[in-house]
Amino acid sequence: MSEPIAPIREMVDLPGRGTFSLLRWTGDTNNPVLLFCHATGFNAETYKTLLTPLTTRFRVLAVDLRGHGMTTAPADPNRLKSWNVYPKDVVALLRDLDEPVYLSGHSLGGAVAMMAASKIPDRVLGLVPADPVMIPAAAARIMRLRRLLGLPSASDLVRGASRRRAVYGTREMMFDAYKGRGAFKTWPDQVLRDYITGGSIDLPNGEVQLACAPAWEAATFGSAGSMLGRIIRRIECPVSLLYAEEGSTMRPQTAELVKRLQPDWHVTEVLGTTHFLPMEKPDVVRQAILDVAGLA
């Protein structure tokens, strides 16, 4: 088995959709492709620790979603009314790759991977969502109605994202501000540094700025909602769905609904994890990906 390799960054133009940043780990051309989608406010590089060991078995790609990382596709928060733009981007990327792939993702990225797999099932060989955002239909309808009426979101995530500090003097100052706090409380230092590297840009005055604008992050949290059952029924590939023990974006009743709709799926609660399970137990996520691909 070959040694893991480092990724290279490339920019891909998707007609009618914009330019997207990818991390690509070049490897054995006989290996299948694995495409990974990140969580809200994060970026592809955040998941290097998770993904790099898989490069001995896959040709790994990780995409910076619209409004995130180094992707430059248009991202106007005032126009983001639903998450539909995200799976449309991923579908366009899958068509550009022009070969079937394995899909995985975390949180928003897990939901987007599921939505994309439901739209073009012939292009997806297997799917591993890690604590995907899965909102029951009734809750999704209420959220959609609030948006149609122009009512503000009640989400703490929306409020927190909109107030997020965007500019720091240095990346080290950003690291010190995040380490051990809030969402980053359980993250290893290297994962946090990778998040900062892939999610910050240099300003002319020498300071650094978050690549994902707080307004876009807030708009993404505020536009969540999907027809869960419809999406699940349309997915045809093998699936291993992981969800966290604490603070999961999947309620226990949602997990039971998934099992009823797709009894062949592997739906697993990962004990000892929070919503950030890919950072806390990357070995579990990697094993699920290998299992779905029959490479365990």
Foldseek 3Di string as FASTA:
>chain_A
DDAFDAWDWDWDQQPPFAIWIKTWGDDDPVAFEEEEEEAQLFAQLLLCVLCRVCRVRHGYMYIGFPLFFPGDTDFDLVPQQACVSRLVVVLSVLVVVVAAHAYEYAACRLVSSLQNCLVCVVRYAEYEYELYQFDEQVVQVVLNVCVVVVHDDPDPQLVPLLPDDWKDQALVVVLVVQDCDDPNVQFDSVSSSSRSVRQWDADPVNIIGGSRRSSSSSSHVSNYHDHRLSSLLSRDHAYEYEFEPEAGSADPVNLVVSCVSPVRHHYYYDYPDHSPCCRNPSVVSSVRSCVSVVND
